[in-house]
Amino acid sequence: MEGYMETKISAIILAAGLSSRMEQDKLLLNYHGKTLLQCVVDLINGLPVFEKILVTTPFRLEKLLLPPGLRTMVNINPEIGMSESLRLGVLAATGDMYLFMAADQPRLSSEALLTMIQKVKHNPDKIIYPLVEGKPCMPALFPASFREELLSLTGDTGGRVVRLAHPEACLAFDAENPEEYMDIDTEEDYKSLFQNRSTTNF
C-alpha cells in the first residue's frame, strides 16, 4: 500500500452519543472481553494514519486504556447531537482528510479500513464511504476541503448532509464483507451481535 500516506489522514472516533435507544451505555457493553469503545480505540491504534483522535464523554474516558499517540477531545455537551462531536473532532484535526469512525461497530476489521484508506491514493478529493445493501454507512472519509461545511453542521446531524450536497464529490463502494459494518443501536442489536447485520448511516 505504498503511496497512500502521501495524504495525511486524521482518524476521528465519534464516541459521545447518549445511547438513547438503550437503557444502558452501549459503548461500555462487552464484546470479546472488551467494551465496544475499547474495541474501536484498539482498532484505530493499529492504523497507519497521520493522527488519531477520540471524541468522547468524561465518564467514558475514565473507562479506557488509552494507547500512546491517541489525542482525546472531551464532549461535555453530548445532548447537542452528533454535530458537536464532529465539530470537536474536526477542530482538533490537522490532516488532509478526516476518517470518521463510529464506536459501535465492533466487528469492523483493520483490513476493511486499510482497503478504504487505499482508495485515497487516487481519490484525495473525494468523499469515500462503503455501501451495505445499497445504503451508505460508516466509516467515512472526507477531504479537509469540506472542513467549514462540517463545522457548520448543527443538532444530531452528521456528514450525510455534506455528502448529499456534493454528489459529484462522492465515491461509494460496495463493502466486501457487509457483516463487519454491523452497528449496535438497541438491546436487540446487541443480543443478535453474532448473527444479524445492521449499519450506521452517515
C-alpha atoms as a PDB file:
ATOM      1  CA  MET A   1       0.000   0.000   0.000  1.00  0.00           C
ATOM      2  CA  GLU A   2       2.782   2.367  -0.889  1.00  0.00           C
ATOM      3  CA  GLY A   3       1.755   5.933  -1.521  1.00  0.00           C
ATOM      4  CA  TYR A   4      -1.477   6.331   0.424  1.00  0.00           C
ATOM      5  CA  MET A   5       0.338   8.124   3.233  1.00  0.00           C
ATOM      6  CA  GLU A   6       1.041  10.983   0.787  1.00  0.00           C
ATOM      7  CA  THR A   7      -2.330  12.201   2.031  1.00  0.00           C
ATOM      8  CA  LYS A   8      -2.354  12.915   5.753  1.00  0.00           C
ATOM      9  CA  ILE A   9      -5.394  11.207   7.264  1.00  0.00           C
ATOM     10  CA  SER A  10      -6.845  12.232  10.611  1.00  0.00           C
ATOM     11  CA  ALA A  11      -8.774   9.286  12.065  1.00  0.00           C
ATOM     12  CA  ILE A  12     -11.559  10.549  14.333  1.00  0.00           C
ATOM     13  CA  ILE A  13     -13.645   8.310  16.594  1.00  0.00           C
ATOM     14  CA  LEU A  14     -17.064   9.820  17.356  1.00  0.00           C
ATOM     15  CA  ALA A  15     -17.926   8.307  20.741  1.00  0.00           C
ATOM     16  CA  ALA A  16     -20.065  10.759  22.696  1.00  0.00           C
ATOM     17  CA  GLY A  17     -23.576   9.635  21.779  1.00  0.00           C
ATOM     18  CA  LEU A  18     -26.186   9.266  24.510  1.00  0.00           C
ATOM     19  CA  SER A  19     -27.262   5.682  23.664  1.00  0.00           C
ATOM     20  CA  SER A  20     -30.822   6.983  23.784  1.00  0.00           C
ATOM     21  CA  ARG A  21     -32.310   3.791  22.356  1.00  0.00           C
ATOM     22  CA  MET A  22     -30.829   1.645  25.103  1.00  0.00           C
ATOM     23  CA  GLU A  23     -31.282   1.531  28.862  1.00  0.00           C
ATOM     24  CA  GLN A  24     -27.522   1.371  29.386  1.00  0.00           C
ATOM     25  CA  ASP A  25     -24.393   2.879  27.900  1.00  0.00           C
ATOM     26  CA  LYS A  26     -23.916   0.762  24.782  1.00  0.00           C
ATOM     27  CA  LEU A  27     -20.275   1.761  24.342  1.00  0.00           C
ATOM     28  CA  LEU A  28     -19.438   0.116  27.667  1.00  0.00           C
ATOM     29  CA  LEU A  29     -21.048  -3.195  26.685  1.00  0.00           C
ATOM     30  CA  ASN A  30     -18.735  -6.188  26.485  1.00  0.00           C
ATOM     31  CA  TYR A  31     -17.518  -7.755  23.257  1.00  0.00           C
ATOM     32  CA  HIS A  32     -14.851 -10.465  23.460  1.00  0.00           C
ATOM     33  CA  GLY A  33     -13.627  -9.195  26.816  1.00  0.00           C
ATOM     34  CA  LYS A  34     -13.522  -5.502  25.886  1.00  0.00           C
ATOM     35  CA  THR A  35     -16.009  -2.663  25.839  1.00  0.00           C
ATOM     36  CA  LEU A  36     -17.251  -1.611  22.413  1.00  0.00           C
ATOM     37  CA  LEU A  37     -15.386   1.653  22.888  1.00  0.00           C
ATOM     38  CA  GLN A  38     -12.132  -0.093  23.759  1.00  0.00           C
ATOM     39  CA  CYS A  39     -12.512  -2.224  20.632  1.00  0.00           C
ATOM     40  CA  VAL A  40     -12.531   0.794  18.330  1.00  0.00           C
ATOM     41  CA  VAL A  41      -9.722   2.504  20.254  1.00  0.00           C
ATOM     42  CA  ASP A  42      -7.560  -0.597  19.825  1.00  0.00           C
ATOM     43  CA  LEU A  43      -8.547  -0.776  16.155  1.00  0.00           C
ATOM     44  CA  ILE A  44      -7.567   2.811  15.429  1.00  0.00           C
ATOM     45  CA  ASN A  45      -4.297   2.310  17.300  1.00  0.00           C
ATOM     46  CA  GLY A  46      -3.147  -0.084  14.589  1.00  0.00           C
ATOM     47  CA  LEU A  47      -3.925   2.194  11.649  1.00  0.00           C
ATOM     48  CA  PRO A  48      -1.029   3.776   9.713  1.00  0.00           C
ATOM     49  CA  VAL A  49      -2.573   7.242   9.675  1.00  0.00           C
ATOM     50  CA  PHE A  50      -1.250  10.735  10.283  1.00  0.00           C
ATOM     51  CA  GLU A  51      -3.073  11.286  13.586  1.00  0.00           C
ATOM     52  CA  LYS A  52      -5.677   9.620  15.793  1.00  0.00           C
ATOM     53  CA  ILE A  53      -8.362  11.492  17.708  1.00  0.00           C
ATOM     54  CA  LEU A  54     -11.053  10.286  20.104  1.00  0.00           C
ATOM     55  CA  VAL A  55     -14.096  12.414  20.922  1.00  0.00           C
ATOM     56  CA  THR A  56     -15.944  11.065  23.942  1.00  0.00           C
ATOM     57  CA  THR A  57     -17.562  11.945  27.272  1.00  0.00           C
ATOM     58  CA  PRO A  58     -15.676  12.379  30.566  1.00  0.00           C
ATOM     59  CA  PHE A  59     -17.209   9.233  32.103  1.00  0.00           C
ATOM     60  CA  ARG A  60     -16.299   7.001  29.157  1.00  0.00           C
ATOM     61  CA  LEU A  61     -12.800   8.416  29.053  1.00  0.00           C
ATOM     62  CA  GLU A  62     -12.265   7.168  32.600  1.00  0.00           C
ATOM     63  CA  LYS A  63     -13.065   3.606  31.489  1.00  0.00           C
ATOM     64  CA  LEU A  64     -10.479   3.431  28.719  1.00  0.00           C
ATOM     65  CA  LEU A  65      -6.942   2.194  28.323  1.00  0.00           C
ATOM     66  CA  LEU A  66      -5.514   4.868  26.052  1.00  0.00           C
ATOM     67  CA  PRO A  67      -2.668   3.955  23.704  1.00  0.00           C
ATOM     68  CA  PRO A  68       0.214   6.386  23.175  1.00  0.00           C
ATOM     69  CA  GLY A  69      -0.397   8.963  20.493  1.00  0.00           C
ATOM     70  CA  LEU A  70      -4.188   8.997  20.738  1.00  0.00           C
ATOM     71  CA  ARG A  71      -5.436  12.536  21.259  1.00  0.00           C
ATOM     72  CA  THR A  72      -8.667  12.983  23.198  1.00  0.00           C
ATOM     73  CA  MET A  73     -11.350  15.625  22.942  1.00  0.00           C
ATOM     74  CA  VAL A  74     -13.946  15.683  25.722  1.00  0.00           C
ATOM     75  CA  ASN A  75     -17.510  16.405  24.690  1.00  0.00           C
ATOM     76  CA  ILE A  76     -19.309  17.937  27.655  1.00  0.00           C
ATOM     77  CA  ASN A  77     -22.422  18.667  25.589  1.00  0.00           C
ATOM     78  CA  PRO A  78     -23.390  15.327  24.026  1.00  0.00           C
ATOM     79  CA  GLU A  79     -27.061  16.297  24.163  1.00  0.00           C
ATOM     80  CA  ILE A  80     -26.428  18.645  21.208  1.00  0.00           C
ATOM     81  CA  GLY A  81     -26.083  15.595  18.988  1.00  0.00           C
ATOM     82  CA  MET A  82     -23.562  14.149  16.555  1.00  0.00           C
ATOM     83  CA  SER A  83     -22.659  17.556  15.154  1.00  0.00           C
ATOM     84  CA  GLU A  84     -20.945  18.543  18.410  1.00  0.00           C
ATOM     85  CA  SER A  85     -18.645  15.509  18.417  1.00  0.00           C
ATOM     86  CA  LEU A  86     -17.949  16.002  14.736  1.00  0.00           C
ATOM     87  CA  ARG A  87     -17.142  19.661  15.341  1.00  0.00           C
ATOM     88  CA  LEU A  88     -14.698  18.854  18.145  1.00  0.00           C
ATOM     89  CA  GLY A  89     -13.014  16.200  16.061  1.00  0.00           C
ATOM     90  CA  VAL A  90     -12.623  18.449  13.033  1.00  0.00           C
ATOM     91  CA  LEU A  91     -11.321  21.325  15.145  1.00  0.00           C
ATOM     92  CA  ALA A  92      -8.637  19.025  16.549  1.00  0.00           C
ATOM     93  CA  ALA A  93      -7.695  17.530  13.180  1.00  0.00           C
ATOM     94  CA  THR A  94      -4.781  18.840  11.138  1.00  0.00           C
ATOM     95  CA  GLY A  95      -4.744  16.279   8.315  1.00  0.00           C
ATOM     96  CA  ASP A  96      -5.739  16.497   4.664  1.00  0.00           C
ATOM     97  CA  MET A  97      -8.633  14.062   5.129  1.00  0.00           C
ATOM     98  CA  TYR A  98     -10.865  13.066   8.016  1.00  0.00           C
ATOM     99  CA  LEU A  99     -11.693   9.413   8.625  1.00  0.00           C
ATOM    100  CA  PHE A 100     -14.840   9.437  10.772  1.00  0.00           C
ATOM    101  CA  MET A 101     -15.376   6.238  12.711  1.00  0.00           C
ATOM    102  CA  ALA A 102     -18.294   5.117  14.866  1.00  0.00           C
ATOM    103  CA  ALA A 103     -17.662   3.450  18.210  1.00  0.00           C
ATOM    104  CA  ASP A 104     -20.434   0.864  17.908  1.00  0.00           C
ATOM    105  CA  GLN A 105     -19.156  -1.319  15.047  1.00  0.00           C
ATOM    106  CA  PRO A 106     -17.213  -3.972  16.973  1.00  0.00           C
ATOM    107  CA  ARG A 107     -16.848  -6.327  14.013  1.00  0.00           C
ATOM    108  CA  LEU A 108     -15.050  -3.811  11.802  1.00  0.00           C
ATOM    109  CA  SER A 109     -11.573  -5.041  10.825  1.00  0.00           C
ATOM    110  CA  SER A 110      -8.319  -3.285  10.109  1.00  0.00           C
ATOM    111  CA  GLU A 111      -8.353  -4.925   6.668  1.00  0.00           C
ATOM    112  CA  ALA A 112     -11.618  -3.183   5.804  1.00  0.00           C
ATOM    113  CA  LEU A 113     -10.230   0.159   6.927  1.00  0.00           C
ATOM    114  CA  LEU A 114      -6.961  -0.295   5.041  1.00  0.00           C
ATOM    115  CA  THR A 115      -8.887  -1.136   1.865  1.00  0.00           C
ATOM    116  CA  MET A 116     -10.846   2.076   2.313  1.00  0.00           C
ATOM    117  CA  ILE A 117      -7.745   4.149   3.056  1.00  0.00           C
ATOM    118  CA  GLN A 118      -6.037   2.790  -0.037  1.00  0.00           C
ATOM    119  CA  LYS A 119      -8.705   4.435  -2.187  1.00  0.00           C
ATOM    120  CA  VAL A 120      -7.446   7.821  -1.009  1.00  0.00           C
ATOM    121  CA  LYS A 121      -4.279   7.454  -3.104  1.00  0.00           C
ATOM    122  CA  HIS A 122      -6.111   8.093  -6.372  1.00  0.00           C
ATOM    123  CA  ASN A 123      -9.089   9.984  -4.915  1.00  0.00           C
ATOM    124  CA  PRO A 124      -7.789  12.571  -2.423  1.00  0.00           C
ATOM    125  CA  ASP A 125     -10.593  14.972  -3.340  1.00  0.00           C
ATOM    126  CA  LYS A 126     -13.462  12.501  -2.873  1.00  0.00           C
ATOM    127  CA  ILE A 127     -15.854  11.724  -0.019  1.00  0.00           C
ATOM    128  CA  ILE A 128     -15.304   7.976   0.337  1.00  0.00           C
ATOM    129  CA  TYR A 129     -17.665   5.580   2.093  1.00  0.00           C
ATOM    130  CA  PRO A 130     -18.896   1.970   1.941  1.00  0.00           C
ATOM    131  CA  LEU A 131     -22.316   0.766   0.879  1.00  0.00           C
ATOM    132  CA  VAL A 132     -24.098  -2.083   2.639  1.00  0.00           C
ATOM    133  CA  GLU A 133     -27.172  -3.314   0.797  1.00  0.00           C
ATOM    134  CA  GLY A 134     -27.002  -0.104  -1.237  1.00  0.00           C
ATOM    135  CA  LYS A 135     -27.001   2.193   1.805  1.00  0.00           C
ATOM    136  CA  PRO A 136     -24.120   4.482   2.870  1.00  0.00           C
ATOM    137  CA  CYS A 137     -22.598   3.695   6.247  1.00  0.00           C
ATOM    138  CA  MET A 138     -19.676   4.465   8.484  1.00  0.00           C
ATOM    139  CA  PRO A 139     -16.725   4.792   8.388  1.00  0.00           C
ATOM    140  CA  ALA A 140     -16.484   7.744   6.022  1.00  0.00           C
ATOM    141  CA  LEU A 141     -13.577   9.759   4.621  1.00  0.00           C
ATOM    142  CA  PHE A 142     -13.971  13.488   3.969  1.00  0.00           C
ATOM    143  CA  PRO A 143     -11.378  15.783   2.382  1.00  0.00           C
ATOM    144  CA  ALA A 144     -10.398  18.745   4.556  1.00  0.00           C
ATOM    145  CA  SER A 145     -11.766  20.993   1.801  1.00  0.00           C
ATOM    146  CA  PHE A 146     -15.178  20.315   3.399  1.00  0.00           C
ATOM    147  CA  ARG A 147     -13.949  21.478   6.812  1.00  0.00           C
ATOM    148  CA  GLU A 148     -16.089  24.598   7.044  1.00  0.00           C
ATOM    149  CA  GLU A 149     -19.236  22.769   5.950  1.00  0.00           C
ATOM    150  CA  LEU A 150     -18.631  20.066   8.518  1.00  0.00           C
ATOM    151  CA  LEU A 151     -18.081  22.672  11.229  1.00  0.00           C
ATOM    152  CA  SER A 152     -21.336  24.402  10.292  1.00  0.00           C
ATOM    153  CA  LEU A 153     -23.492  21.341  10.999  1.00  0.00           C
ATOM    154  CA  THR A 154     -25.936  21.561  13.898  1.00  0.00           C
ATOM    155  CA  GLY A 155     -28.018  19.236  16.041  1.00  0.00           C
ATOM    156  CA  ASP A 156     -27.960  15.488  15.594  1.00  0.00           C
ATOM    157  CA  THR A 157     -26.544  15.789  12.101  1.00  0.00           C
ATOM    158  CA  GLY A 158     -23.530  14.019  10.641  1.00  0.00           C
ATOM    159  CA  GLY A 159     -21.620  14.160   7.408  1.00  0.00           C
ATOM    160  CA  ARG A 160     -24.632  12.870   5.481  1.00  0.00           C
ATOM    161  CA  VAL A 161     -25.798  16.448   4.901  1.00  0.00           C
ATOM    162  CA  VAL A 162     -22.469  17.396   3.335  1.00  0.00           C
ATOM    163  CA  ARG A 163     -22.368  14.192   1.303  1.00  0.00           C
ATOM    164  CA  LEU A 164     -25.844  14.754  -0.128  1.00  0.00           C
ATOM    165  CA  ALA A 165     -24.951  18.338  -1.009  1.00  0.00           C
ATOM    166  CA  HIS A 166     -21.992  17.172  -3.101  1.00  0.00           C
ATOM    167  CA  PRO A 167     -22.924  14.026  -5.068  1.00  0.00           C
ATOM    168  CA  GLU A 168     -20.241  14.876  -7.622  1.00  0.00           C
ATOM    169  CA  ALA A 169     -17.582  14.502  -4.922  1.00  0.00           C
ATOM    170  CA  CYS A 170     -18.750  11.122  -3.634  1.00  0.00           C
ATOM    171  CA  LEU A 171     -17.004   7.813  -4.164  1.00  0.00           C
ATOM    172  CA  ALA A 172     -19.089   4.949  -2.802  1.00  0.00           C
ATOM    173  CA  PHE A 173     -18.026   1.311  -2.924  1.00  0.00           C
ATOM    174  CA  ASP A 174     -19.724  -1.956  -2.056  1.00  0.00           C
ATOM    175  CA  ALA A 175     -18.487  -3.375   1.247  1.00  0.00           C
ATOM    176  CA  GLU A 176     -16.621  -6.624   0.679  1.00  0.00           C
ATOM    177  CA  ASN A 177     -17.801  -8.112   3.980  1.00  0.00           C
ATOM    178  CA  PRO A 178     -21.066  -6.350   4.913  1.00  0.00           C
ATOM    179  CA  GLU A 179     -21.321  -8.132   8.264  1.00  0.00           C
ATOM    180  CA  GLU A 180     -18.310  -6.147   9.504  1.00  0.00           C
ATOM    181  CA  TYR A 181     -20.330  -2.944   9.413  1.00  0.00           C
ATOM    182  CA  MET A 182     -22.971  -4.132  11.861  1.00  0.00           C
ATOM    183  CA  ASP A 183     -23.670  -1.472  14.474  1.00  0.00           C
ATOM    184  CA  ILE A 184     -25.267  -1.637  17.889  1.00  0.00           C
ATOM    185  CA  ASP A 185     -28.193   0.724  18.432  1.00  0.00           C
ATOM    186  CA  THR A 186     -30.636  -1.304  20.530  1.00  0.00           C
ATOM    187  CA  GLU A 187     -30.705  -4.113  23.062  1.00  0.00           C
ATOM    188  CA  GLU A 188     -31.868  -6.403  20.258  1.00  0.00           C
ATOM    189  CA  ASP A 189     -28.849  -5.432  18.141  1.00  0.00           C
ATOM    190  CA  TYR A 190     -26.535  -6.341  20.994  1.00  0.00           C
ATOM    191  CA  LYS A 191     -28.232  -9.686  21.611  1.00  0.00           C
ATOM    192  CA  SER A 192     -28.003 -10.550  17.925  1.00  0.00           C
ATOM    193  CA  LEU A 193     -24.454  -9.250  17.528  1.00  0.00           C
ATOM    194  CA  PHE A 194     -23.103 -12.543  16.265  1.00  0.00           C
ATOM    195  CA  GLN A 195     -25.709 -13.315  13.654  1.00  0.00           C
ATOM    196  CA  ASN A 196     -27.513 -10.248  12.315  1.00  0.00           C
ATOM    197  CA  ARG A 197     -26.493  -7.234  10.262  1.00  0.00           C
ATOM    198  CA  SER A 198     -27.034  -3.514  10.688  1.00  0.00           C
ATOM    199  CA  THR A 199     -25.350  -0.318   9.512  1.00  0.00           C
ATOM    200  CA  THR A 200     -24.566   3.097  10.836  1.00  0.00           C
ATOM    201  CA  ASN A 201     -25.845   5.675   8.364  1.00  0.00           C
ATOM    202  CA  PHE A 202     -23.711   8.770   7.965  1.00  0.00           C
END
